[in-house]
């Protein structure tokens, strides 16, 4: 069968695959459009395998929140270049994934399970959706991670996406008297988390290994500084071990103020801590608490080639 330019154009419009690939697919399929689509998809699967070793350091991080604020989802979808990451079709995949996670009654437990789920828009599995996108763009893509954050009965989840979509936050708040003020507070707190990058919500949530390491550093430094203070103070100086303990406690307090959300200086008023801001909100909202939060930054913790 003769492969006309109109036939190639039709397949091109249907699949968005490169022109030469469309012509080859039609030749291999005797001009049958449906068979040609299947041929391209098969080649897309092969292409995905070939490109799976390429580093995916660009991409998007997007959030989606249920209309009633009961839960939110955040996803990181990666690709090779910023050019592809800015394509509408790439953003649509990330948005579809986030929206699916918010609406599904049976949330997936990991990335592989999510990719096996069916996209409600096109009916394909998300794995096939990503594979088709790889075939069209010629770039490797991967869903790196996702998270779902739920709100308490009396509270809400708020999502914040920093301009550029390379950093996003979900924060869950509870309040005795939820109202419009809670939305504004949640937005400001989400921006604060994006900016301050806390390691934990509360002091007791910090990994003990990290705390022990910091204490060891501060103690070693305090040992030298304590000796110098004792020399200057002479007989009036407190015992060395007491002095070291106070110095280590002071350094730990400063450390907590840098990495613990409730202890950090608030982004909109650094004279107050986040904990103080929550207490001040009680006049309008009753007791307010940060239940949980999730912060994704594009490519964080990726070292070397993937």
C-alpha atoms as a PDB file:
ATOM      1  CA  UNK A   1       0.000   0.000   0.000  1.00  0.00           C
ATOM      2  CA  UNK A   2       1.229   3.488  -0.868  1.00  0.00           C
ATOM      3  CA  UNK A   3       2.066   5.571   2.207  1.00  0.00           C
ATOM      4  CA  UNK A   4       0.817   9.034   1.292  1.00  0.00           C
ATOM      5  CA  UNK A   5       1.819  12.261   2.987  1.00  0.00           C
ATOM      6  CA  UNK A   6      -1.790  12.690   4.141  1.00  0.00           C
ATOM      7  CA  UNK A   7      -1.689   9.286   5.846  1.00  0.00           C
ATOM      8  CA  UNK A   8       1.558  10.210   7.594  1.00  0.00           C
ATOM      9  CA  UNK A   9       0.041  13.534   8.634  1.00  0.00           C
ATOM     10  CA  UNK A  10      -3.027  11.781  10.074  1.00  0.00           C
ATOM     11  CA  UNK A  11      -0.881   9.453  12.178  1.00  0.00           C
ATOM     12  CA  UNK A  12       1.312  12.357  13.230  1.00  0.00           C
ATOM     13  CA  UNK A  13      -1.733  14.322  14.453  1.00  0.00           C
ATOM     14  CA  UNK A  14      -3.074  11.275  16.251  1.00  0.00           C
ATOM     15  CA  UNK A  15       0.151  10.375  18.081  1.00  0.00           C
ATOM     16  CA  UNK A  16       2.401  13.461  17.956  1.00  0.00           C
ATOM     17  CA  UNK A  17       5.264  11.074  17.134  1.00  0.00           C
ATOM     18  CA  UNK A  18       8.132  12.284  14.884  1.00  0.00           C
ATOM     19  CA  UNK A  19       7.263  12.363  11.148  1.00  0.00           C
ATOM     20  CA  UNK A  20       9.818   9.745  10.080  1.00  0.00           C
ATOM     21  CA  UNK A  21       8.639   7.412  12.846  1.00  0.00           C
ATOM     22  CA  UNK A  22       5.069   7.779  11.597  1.00  0.00           C
ATOM     23  CA  UNK A  23       6.092   6.929   8.052  1.00  0.00           C
ATOM     24  CA  UNK A  24       8.060   3.891   9.234  1.00  0.00           C
ATOM     25  CA  UNK A  25       5.149   2.729  11.415  1.00  0.00           C
ATOM     26  CA  UNK A  26       2.749   2.923   8.470  1.00  0.00           C
ATOM     27  CA  UNK A  27       5.153   1.015   6.245  1.00  0.00           C
ATOM     28  CA  UNK A  28       5.460  -1.725   8.850  1.00  0.00           C
ATOM     29  CA  UNK A  29       1.676  -1.820   9.299  1.00  0.00           C
ATOM     30  CA  UNK A  30       0.620  -1.755   5.606  1.00  0.00           C
ATOM     31  CA  UNK A  31      -0.958   1.652   6.067  1.00  0.00           C
ATOM     32  CA  UNK A  32      -3.275   0.564   8.899  1.00  0.00           C
ATOM     33  CA  UNK A  33      -3.538   3.527  11.302  1.00  0.00           C
ATOM     34  CA  UNK A  34      -4.485   1.485  14.366  1.00  0.00           C
ATOM     35  CA  UNK A  35      -1.699  -1.023  13.807  1.00  0.00           C
ATOM     36  CA  UNK A  36       0.713   1.837  13.235  1.00  0.00           C
ATOM     37  CA  UNK A  37      -0.287   3.344  16.584  1.00  0.00           C
ATOM     38  CA  UNK A  38       0.421  -0.005  18.260  1.00  0.00           C
ATOM     39  CA  UNK A  39       3.772  -0.199  16.444  1.00  0.00           C
ATOM     40  CA  UNK A  40       4.725   3.246  17.708  1.00  0.00           C
ATOM     41  CA  UNK A  41       3.712   2.337  21.252  1.00  0.00           C
ATOM     42  CA  UNK A  42       5.857  -0.774  21.076  1.00  0.00           C
ATOM     43  CA  UNK A  43       8.772   1.332  19.899  1.00  0.00           C
ATOM     44  CA  UNK A  44       7.959   3.747  22.671  1.00  0.00           C
ATOM     45  CA  UNK A  45       8.341   0.963  25.200  1.00  0.00           C
ATOM     46  CA  UNK A  46      11.680   0.103  23.703  1.00  0.00           C
ATOM     47  CA  UNK A  47      12.706   3.754  23.700  1.00  0.00           C
ATOM     48  CA  UNK A  48      11.771   4.031  27.356  1.00  0.00           C
ATOM     49  CA  UNK A  49      14.046   1.100  28.164  1.00  0.00           C
ATOM     50  CA  UNK A  50      16.940   2.599  26.210  1.00  0.00           C
ATOM     51  CA  UNK A  51      16.609   5.976  27.922  1.00  0.00           C
ATOM     52  CA  UNK A  52      15.966   4.701  31.420  1.00  0.00           C
ATOM     53  CA  UNK A  53      19.615   5.251  32.312  1.00  0.00           C
ATOM     54  CA  UNK A  54      19.574   8.947  31.501  1.00  0.00           C
ATOM     55  CA  UNK A  55      19.608  11.365  34.389  1.00  0.00           C
ATOM     56  CA  UNK A  56      16.313  13.121  35.057  1.00  0.00           C
ATOM     57  CA  UNK A  57      17.310  16.243  36.974  1.00  0.00           C
ATOM     58  CA  UNK A  58      14.616  18.598  35.683  1.00  0.00           C
ATOM     59  CA  UNK A  59      10.869  18.416  36.084  1.00  0.00           C
ATOM     60  CA  UNK A  60       7.963  19.696  38.124  1.00  0.00           C
ATOM     61  CA  UNK A  61       6.592  19.475  41.630  1.00  0.00           C
ATOM     62  CA  UNK A  62       2.855  20.052  41.849  1.00  0.00           C
ATOM     63  CA  UNK A  63       0.169  19.788  44.503  1.00  0.00           C
ATOM     64  CA  UNK A  64      -3.550  19.129  44.420  1.00  0.00           C
ATOM     65  CA  UNK A  65      -5.979  19.689  47.298  1.00  0.00           C
ATOM     66  CA  UNK A  66      -9.519  18.349  47.640  1.00  0.00           C
ATOM     67  CA  UNK A  67     -12.258  20.970  47.322  1.00  0.00           C
ATOM     68  CA  UNK A  68     -13.201  20.504  50.976  1.00  0.00           C
ATOM     69  CA  UNK A  69      -9.561  20.709  52.111  1.00  0.00           C
ATOM     70  CA  UNK A  70      -9.746  17.218  53.610  1.00  0.00           C
ATOM     71  CA  UNK A  71      -6.537  16.025  51.945  1.00  0.00           C
ATOM     72  CA  UNK A  72      -3.858  16.994  49.486  1.00  0.00           C
ATOM     73  CA  UNK A  73      -1.301  15.295  47.269  1.00  0.00           C
ATOM     74  CA  UNK A  74       2.148  16.309  46.082  1.00  0.00           C
ATOM     75  CA  UNK A  75       4.121  14.720  43.226  1.00  0.00           C
ATOM     76  CA  UNK A  76       7.568  15.072  41.693  1.00  0.00           C
ATOM     77  CA  UNK A  77       7.757  14.188  37.996  1.00  0.00           C
ATOM     78  CA  UNK A  78      11.231  14.305  36.457  1.00  0.00           C
ATOM     79  CA  UNK A  79      12.614  14.627  32.957  1.00  0.00           C
ATOM     80  CA  UNK A  80      15.982  15.379  31.369  1.00  0.00           C
ATOM     81  CA  UNK A  81      15.688  19.018  30.328  1.00  0.00           C
ATOM     82  CA  UNK A  82      13.966  22.179  31.454  1.00  0.00           C
ATOM     83  CA  UNK A  83      12.599  22.544  27.916  1.00  0.00           C
ATOM     84  CA  UNK A  84      10.442  19.424  28.226  1.00  0.00           C
ATOM     85  CA  UNK A  85       9.558  20.246  31.838  1.00  0.00           C
ATOM     86  CA  UNK A  86       7.934  23.457  30.598  1.00  0.00           C
ATOM     87  CA  UNK A  87       5.783  21.704  27.990  1.00  0.00           C
ATOM     88  CA  UNK A  88       2.039  21.761  28.675  1.00  0.00           C
ATOM     89  CA  UNK A  89       1.774  18.032  27.979  1.00  0.00           C
ATOM     90  CA  UNK A  90       4.361  17.279  30.690  1.00  0.00           C
ATOM     91  CA  UNK A  91       2.574  19.493  33.205  1.00  0.00           C
ATOM     92  CA  UNK A  92      -0.725  17.788  32.367  1.00  0.00           C
ATOM     93  CA  UNK A  93       0.714  14.405  33.362  1.00  0.00           C
ATOM     94  CA  UNK A  94       1.905  15.754  36.723  1.00  0.00           C
ATOM     95  CA  UNK A  95      -1.449  17.452  37.326  1.00  0.00           C
ATOM     96  CA  UNK A  96      -3.332  14.285  36.441  1.00  0.00           C
ATOM     97  CA  UNK A  97      -1.252  12.253  38.897  1.00  0.00           C
ATOM     98  CA  UNK A  98      -1.788  14.729  41.733  1.00  0.00           C
ATOM     99  CA  UNK A  99      -5.517  15.017  41.061  1.00  0.00           C
ATOM    100  CA  UNK A 100      -5.889  11.237  40.911  1.00  0.00           C
ATOM    101  CA  UNK A 101      -4.197  10.838  44.290  1.00  0.00           C
ATOM    102  CA  UNK A 102      -6.555  13.346  45.898  1.00  0.00           C
ATOM    103  CA  UNK A 103      -9.703  11.716  44.500  1.00  0.00           C
ATOM    104  CA  UNK A 104      -8.948   7.989  44.751  1.00  0.00           C
ATOM    105  CA  UNK A 105     -10.578   6.113  47.606  1.00  0.00           C
ATOM    106  CA  UNK A 106      -7.808   3.497  47.524  1.00  0.00           C
ATOM    107  CA  UNK A 107      -4.500   5.387  47.487  1.00  0.00           C
ATOM    108  CA  UNK A 108      -1.430   3.547  46.163  1.00  0.00           C
ATOM    109  CA  UNK A 109       1.348   2.635  48.568  1.00  0.00           C
ATOM    110  CA  UNK A 110       4.301   3.365  46.290  1.00  0.00           C
ATOM    111  CA  UNK A 111       5.327   4.734  42.906  1.00  0.00           C
ATOM    112  CA  UNK A 112       5.047   1.401  41.089  1.00  0.00           C
ATOM    113  CA  UNK A 113       1.498   0.911  42.300  1.00  0.00           C
ATOM    114  CA  UNK A 114       0.544   4.435  41.257  1.00  0.00           C
ATOM    115  CA  UNK A 115       1.983   3.867  37.769  1.00  0.00           C
ATOM    116  CA  UNK A 116      -0.113   0.725  37.446  1.00  0.00           C
ATOM    117  CA  UNK A 117      -3.334   2.665  38.094  1.00  0.00           C
ATOM    118  CA  UNK A 118      -5.594   3.778  35.261  1.00  0.00           C
ATOM    119  CA  UNK A 119      -5.686   7.414  34.247  1.00  0.00           C
ATOM    120  CA  UNK A 120      -9.345   8.518  34.437  1.00  0.00           C
ATOM    121  CA  UNK A 121      -8.890  10.868  31.467  1.00  0.00           C
ATOM    122  CA  UNK A 122      -7.389   8.578  28.811  1.00  0.00           C
ATOM    123  CA  UNK A 123      -8.031   5.106  30.251  1.00  0.00           C
ATOM    124  CA  UNK A 124      -4.377   4.044  29.997  1.00  0.00           C
ATOM    125  CA  UNK A 125      -2.203   3.128  32.943  1.00  0.00           C
ATOM    126  CA  UNK A 126       0.012   5.949  34.113  1.00  0.00           C
ATOM    127  CA  UNK A 127       3.004   3.820  33.153  1.00  0.00           C
ATOM    128  CA  UNK A 128       1.766   3.828  29.554  1.00  0.00           C
ATOM    129  CA  UNK A 129       1.025   7.552  29.764  1.00  0.00           C
ATOM    130  CA  UNK A 130       4.637   8.232  30.777  1.00  0.00           C
ATOM    131  CA  UNK A 131       5.963   5.783  28.180  1.00  0.00           C
ATOM    132  CA  UNK A 132       3.988   7.491  25.427  1.00  0.00           C
ATOM    133  CA  UNK A 133       5.373  10.855  26.543  1.00  0.00           C
ATOM    134  CA  UNK A 134       8.912   9.459  26.396  1.00  0.00           C
ATOM    135  CA  UNK A 135       8.298   8.295  22.829  1.00  0.00           C
ATOM    136  CA  UNK A 136       6.968  11.707  21.795  1.00  0.00           C
ATOM    137  CA  UNK A 137       9.645  13.864  23.434  1.00  0.00           C
ATOM    138  CA  UNK A 138      12.638  11.554  23.117  1.00  0.00           C
ATOM    139  CA  UNK A 139      13.525  12.224  26.767  1.00  0.00           C
ATOM    140  CA  UNK A 140      13.530   9.944  29.757  1.00  0.00           C
ATOM    141  CA  UNK A 141      10.892  10.650  32.413  1.00  0.00           C
ATOM    142  CA  UNK A 142      10.108   9.193  35.788  1.00  0.00           C
ATOM    143  CA  UNK A 143       7.702   9.676  38.627  1.00  0.00           C
ATOM    144  CA  UNK A 144      10.184  10.068  41.444  1.00  0.00           C
ATOM    145  CA  UNK A 145       7.894  10.279  44.476  1.00  0.00           C
ATOM    146  CA  UNK A 146       4.546  11.363  45.846  1.00  0.00           C
ATOM    147  CA  UNK A 147       2.890  11.942  49.205  1.00  0.00           C
ATOM    148  CA  UNK A 148      -0.633  12.335  50.533  1.00  0.00           C
ATOM    149  CA  UNK A 149      -1.369  14.603  53.497  1.00  0.00           C
ATOM    150  CA  UNK A 150      -4.707  14.386  55.328  1.00  0.00           C
ATOM    151  CA  UNK A 151      -6.494  16.992  57.414  1.00  0.00           C
ATOM    152  CA  UNK A 152      -8.005  16.356  60.853  1.00  0.00           C
ATOM    153  CA  UNK A 153     -11.791  16.490  61.250  1.00  0.00           C
ATOM    154  CA  UNK A 154     -11.609  20.120  62.371  1.00  0.00           C
ATOM    155  CA  UNK A 155      -8.985  21.539  60.045  1.00  0.00           C
ATOM    156  CA  UNK A 156      -7.678  21.640  56.494  1.00  0.00           C
ATOM    157  CA  UNK A 157      -4.801  20.927  54.130  1.00  0.00           C
ATOM    158  CA  UNK A 158      -3.255  23.777  52.148  1.00  0.00           C
ATOM    159  CA  UNK A 159      -0.939  23.489  49.166  1.00  0.00           C
ATOM    160  CA  UNK A 160       1.690  25.993  48.081  1.00  0.00           C
ATOM    161  CA  UNK A 161       3.682  25.825  44.830  1.00  0.00           C
ATOM    162  CA  UNK A 162       6.649  28.175  44.616  1.00  0.00           C
ATOM    163  CA  UNK A 163       6.959  30.050  41.291  1.00  0.00           C
ATOM    164  CA  UNK A 164       8.712  27.800  38.797  1.00  0.00           C
ATOM    165  CA  UNK A 165       7.128  24.623  40.215  1.00  0.00           C
ATOM    166  CA  UNK A 166      10.458  23.312  41.496  1.00  0.00           C
ATOM    167  CA  UNK A 167       9.427  23.506  45.153  1.00  0.00           C
ATOM    168  CA  UNK A 168       6.066  22.819  46.785  1.00  0.00           C
ATOM    169  CA  UNK A 169       4.575  22.285  50.240  1.00  0.00           C
ATOM    170  CA  UNK A 170       1.513  20.701  51.798  1.00  0.00           C
ATOM    171  CA  UNK A 171       0.620  21.619  55.375  1.00  0.00           C
ATOM    172  CA  UNK A 172      -2.178  20.217  57.547  1.00  0.00           C
ATOM    173  CA  UNK A 173      -3.662  22.349  60.341  1.00  0.00           C
ATOM    174  CA  UNK A 174      -6.240  21.696  63.033  1.00  0.00           C
ATOM    175  CA  UNK A 175      -8.330  24.413  64.704  1.00  0.00           C
ATOM    176  CA  UNK A 176     -11.118  24.478  67.269  1.00  0.00           C
ATOM    177  CA  UNK A 177     -13.011  27.118  65.281  1.00  0.00           C
ATOM    178  CA  UNK A 178     -12.030  26.826  61.591  1.00  0.00           C
ATOM    179  CA  UNK A 179     -12.716  29.907  59.500  1.00  0.00           C
ATOM    180  CA  UNK A 180     -11.306  32.082  56.706  1.00  0.00           C
ATOM    181  CA  UNK A 181      -8.423  33.066  59.001  1.00  0.00           C
ATOM    182  CA  UNK A 182      -7.264  29.451  58.969  1.00  0.00           C
ATOM    183  CA  UNK A 183      -6.839  29.505  55.185  1.00  0.00           C
ATOM    184  CA  UNK A 184      -4.674  32.620  55.391  1.00  0.00           C
ATOM    185  CA  UNK A 185      -2.606  31.184  58.222  1.00  0.00           C
ATOM    186  CA  UNK A 186      -2.125  27.897  56.360  1.00  0.00           C
ATOM    187  CA  UNK A 187      -0.939  29.760  53.270  1.00  0.00           C
ATOM    188  CA  UNK A 188       1.609  31.781  55.235  1.00  0.00           C
ATOM    189  CA  UNK A 189       2.853  28.692  57.059  1.00  0.00           C
ATOM    190  CA  UNK A 190       3.226  26.794  53.782  1.00  0.00           C
ATOM    191  CA  UNK A 191       5.322  29.669  52.393  1.00  0.00           C
ATOM    192  CA  UNK A 192       7.370  29.660  55.589  1.00  0.00           C
ATOM    193  CA  UNK A 193       8.061  25.926  55.262  1.00  0.00           C
ATOM    194  CA  UNK A 194       9.097  26.398  51.634  1.00  0.00           C
ATOM    195  CA  UNK A 195      11.525  29.149  52.667  1.00  0.00           C
ATOM    196  CA  UNK A 196      12.872  27.790  55.973  1.00  0.00           C
ATOM    197  CA  UNK A 197      13.076  24.074  55.081  1.00  0.00           C
ATOM    198  CA  UNK A 198      12.590  22.707  58.624  1.00  0.00           C
ATOM    199  CA  UNK A 199      13.893  19.236  59.428  1.00  0.00           C
ATOM    200  CA  UNK A 200      11.079  18.434  61.856  1.00  0.00           C
ATOM    201  CA  UNK A 201       7.866  19.797  63.304  1.00  0.00           C
ATOM    202  CA  UNK A 202       8.855  19.481  66.978  1.00  0.00           C
ATOM    203  CA  UNK A 203      12.148  19.169  68.843  1.00  0.00           C
ATOM    204  CA  UNK A 204      11.378  15.607  69.880  1.00  0.00           C
ATOM    205  CA  UNK A 205      10.876  14.644  66.230  1.00  0.00           C
ATOM    206  CA  UNK A 206      14.521  15.304  65.331  1.00  0.00           C
ATOM    207  CA  UNK A 207      16.537  12.133  64.603  1.00  0.00           C
ATOM    208  CA  UNK A 208      18.482  11.216  67.739  1.00  0.00           C
ATOM    209  CA  UNK A 209      21.581  10.490  65.672  1.00  0.00           C
ATOM    210  CA  UNK A 210      21.565  14.076  64.375  1.00  0.00           C
ATOM    211  CA  UNK A 211      21.057  15.522  67.868  1.00  0.00           C
ATOM    212  CA  UNK A 212      23.901  13.406  69.301  1.00  0.00           C
ATOM    213  CA  UNK A 213      26.228  14.515  66.512  1.00  0.00           C
ATOM    214  CA  UNK A 214      25.422  18.179  67.105  1.00  0.00           C
ATOM    215  CA  UNK A 215      25.954  17.771  70.862  1.00  0.00           C
ATOM    216  CA  UNK A 216      29.363  16.194  70.259  1.00  0.00           C
ATOM    217  CA  UNK A 217      30.405  19.112  68.055  1.00  0.00           C
ATOM    218  CA  UNK A 218      29.179  21.699  70.554  1.00  0.00           C
ATOM    219  CA  UNK A 219      30.804  19.891  73.498  1.00  0.00           C
ATOM    220  CA  UNK A 220      34.187  19.769  71.766  1.00  0.00           C
ATOM    221  CA  UNK A 221      33.973  23.452  70.947  1.00  0.00           C
ATOM    222  CA  UNK A 222      32.753  24.313  74.451  1.00  0.00           C
ATOM    223  CA  UNK A 223      35.687  22.473  76.019  1.00  0.00           C
ATOM    224  CA  UNK A 224      38.158  24.951  74.567  1.00  0.00           C
ATOM    225  CA  UNK A 225      35.978  28.010  75.086  1.00  0.00           C
ATOM    226  CA  UNK A 226      35.240  27.034  78.708  1.00  0.00           C
ATOM    227  CA  UNK A 227      38.937  26.884  79.546  1.00  0.00           C
ATOM    228  CA  UNK A 228      39.443  30.380  78.135  1.00  0.00           C
ATOM    229  CA  UNK A 229      36.469  31.739  80.125  1.00  0.00           C
ATOM    230  CA  UNK A 230      37.783  30.146  83.336  1.00  0.00           C
ATOM    231  CA  UNK A 231      41.225  31.721  82.807  1.00  0.00           C
ATOM    232  CA  UNK A 232      39.669  35.152  82.407  1.00  0.00           C
ATOM    233  CA  UNK A 233      37.221  34.807  85.291  1.00  0.00           C
ATOM    234  CA  UNK A 234      39.673  33.166  87.686  1.00  0.00           C
ATOM    235  CA  UNK A 235      38.191  32.173  91.054  1.00  0.00           C
ATOM    236  CA  UNK A 236      34.809  33.620  90.109  1.00  0.00           C
ATOM    237  CA  UNK A 237      34.391  31.136  87.276  1.00  0.00           C
ATOM    238  CA  UNK A 238      31.755  28.389  87.652  1.00  0.00           C
ATOM    239  CA  UNK A 239      32.882  24.735  87.513  1.00  0.00           C
ATOM    240  CA  UNK A 240      34.048  23.694  84.070  1.00  0.00           C
ATOM    241  CA  UNK A 241      31.427  20.965  83.585  1.00  0.00           C
ATOM    242  CA  UNK A 242      28.628  23.386  84.505  1.00  0.00           C
ATOM    243  CA  UNK A 243      29.970  25.952  82.054  1.00  0.00           C
ATOM    244  CA  UNK A 244      30.216  23.377  79.257  1.00  0.00           C
ATOM    245  CA  UNK A 245      26.662  22.148  79.884  1.00  0.00           C
ATOM    246  CA  UNK A 246      25.272  25.680  79.651  1.00  0.00           C
ATOM    247  CA  UNK A 247      27.215  26.391  76.481  1.00  0.00           C
ATOM    248  CA  UNK A 248      26.016  23.168  74.831  1.00  0.00           C
ATOM    249  CA  UNK A 249      22.422  23.928  75.840  1.00  0.00           C
ATOM    250  CA  UNK A 250      22.717  27.389  74.326  1.00  0.00           C
ATOM    251  CA  UNK A 251      24.047  25.998  71.048  1.00  0.00           C
ATOM    252  CA  UNK A 252      21.309  23.372  70.950  1.00  0.00           C
ATOM    253  CA  UNK A 253      18.649  26.035  71.422  1.00  0.00           C
ATOM    254  CA  UNK A 254      20.107  27.977  68.524  1.00  0.00           C
ATOM    255  CA  UNK A 255      20.175  24.790  66.420  1.00  0.00           C
ATOM    256  CA  UNK A 256      16.523  24.087  67.219  1.00  0.00           C
ATOM    257  CA  UNK A 257      15.652  27.614  66.125  1.00  0.00           C
ATOM    258  CA  UNK A 258      17.233  26.880  62.755  1.00  0.00           C
ATOM    259  CA  UNK A 259      15.791  23.441  61.945  1.00  0.00           C
ATOM    260  CA  UNK A 260      12.610  22.848  64.024  1.00  0.00           C
ATOM    261  CA  UNK A 261       9.462  24.361  62.518  1.00  0.00           C
ATOM    262  CA  UNK A 262       7.769  25.404  65.756  1.00  0.00           C
ATOM    263  CA  UNK A 263      11.006  27.017  67.004  1.00  0.00           C
ATOM    264  CA  UNK A 264      11.906  28.887  63.802  1.00  0.00           C
ATOM    265  CA  UNK A 265      11.591  32.650  63.403  1.00  0.00           C
ATOM    266  CA  UNK A 266       8.394  33.292  61.452  1.00  0.00           C
ATOM    267  CA  UNK A 267       8.879  34.371  57.842  1.00  0.00           C
ATOM    268  CA  UNK A 268       6.499  37.353  58.130  1.00  0.00           C
ATOM    269  CA  UNK A 269       7.772  38.546  61.525  1.00  0.00           C
ATOM    270  CA  UNK A 270      11.162  37.245  62.640  1.00  0.00           C
ATOM    271  CA  UNK A 271      10.603  38.652  66.126  1.00  0.00           C
ATOM    272  CA  UNK A 272       8.153  35.793  66.665  1.00  0.00           C
ATOM    273  CA  UNK A 273       8.501  32.028  66.432  1.00  0.00           C
ATOM    274  CA  UNK A 274       6.035  29.888  64.524  1.00  0.00           C
ATOM    275  CA  UNK A 275       4.844  28.530  67.863  1.00  0.00           C
ATOM    276  CA  UNK A 276       4.083  32.081  69.047  1.00  0.00           C
ATOM    277  CA  UNK A 277       2.125  32.821  65.878  1.00  0.00           C
ATOM    278  CA  UNK A 278      -0.033  29.728  66.442  1.00  0.00           C
ATOM    279  CA  UNK A 279      -0.782  30.834  69.999  1.00  0.00           C
ATOM    280  CA  UNK A 280      -1.717  34.334  68.831  1.00  0.00           C
ATOM    281  CA  UNK A 281      -4.146  32.830  66.304  1.00  0.00           C
ATOM    282  CA  UNK A 282      -6.155  31.302  69.159  1.00  0.00           C
ATOM    283  CA  UNK A 283      -8.214  34.465  69.633  1.00  0.00           C
ATOM    284  CA  UNK A 284      -9.904  33.899  66.268  1.00  0.00           C
ATOM    285  CA  UNK A 285      -9.537  30.154  65.722  1.00  0.00           C
ATOM    286  CA  UNK A 286      -9.269  28.605  69.166  1.00  0.00           C
ATOM    287  CA  UNK A 287      -6.361  26.233  69.693  1.00  0.00           C
ATOM    288  CA  UNK A 288      -4.436  25.840  66.436  1.00  0.00           C
ATOM    289  CA  UNK A 289      -1.880  23.132  65.685  1.00  0.00           C
ATOM    290  CA  UNK A 290       0.265  22.084  62.757  1.00  0.00           C
ATOM    291  CA  UNK A 291      -0.595  18.414  62.358  1.00  0.00           C
ATOM    292  CA  UNK A 292       1.906  17.574  59.617  1.00  0.00           C
ATOM    293  CA  UNK A 293       3.626  18.955  56.549  1.00  0.00           C
ATOM    294  CA  UNK A 294       5.426  17.756  53.447  1.00  0.00           C
ATOM    295  CA  UNK A 295       8.018  19.695  51.472  1.00  0.00           C
ATOM    296  CA  UNK A 296       9.389  18.557  48.089  1.00  0.00           C
ATOM    297  CA  UNK A 297      12.241  20.336  46.315  1.00  0.00           C
ATOM    298  CA  UNK A 298      13.181  19.263  42.819  1.00  0.00           C
ATOM    299  CA  UNK A 299      16.017  16.753  42.739  1.00  0.00           C
ATOM    300  CA  UNK A 300      16.930  17.004  46.423  1.00  0.00           C
ATOM    301  CA  UNK A 301      19.165  14.212  47.684  1.00  0.00           C
ATOM    302  CA  UNK A 302      20.005  13.105  44.119  1.00  0.00           C
ATOM    303  CA  UNK A 303      23.748  12.537  43.852  1.00  0.00           C
ATOM    304  CA  UNK A 304      25.603  11.703  40.678  1.00  0.00           C
ATOM    305  CA  UNK A 305      23.976  10.038  37.702  1.00  0.00           C
ATOM    306  CA  UNK A 306      20.704   8.244  38.267  1.00  0.00           C
END
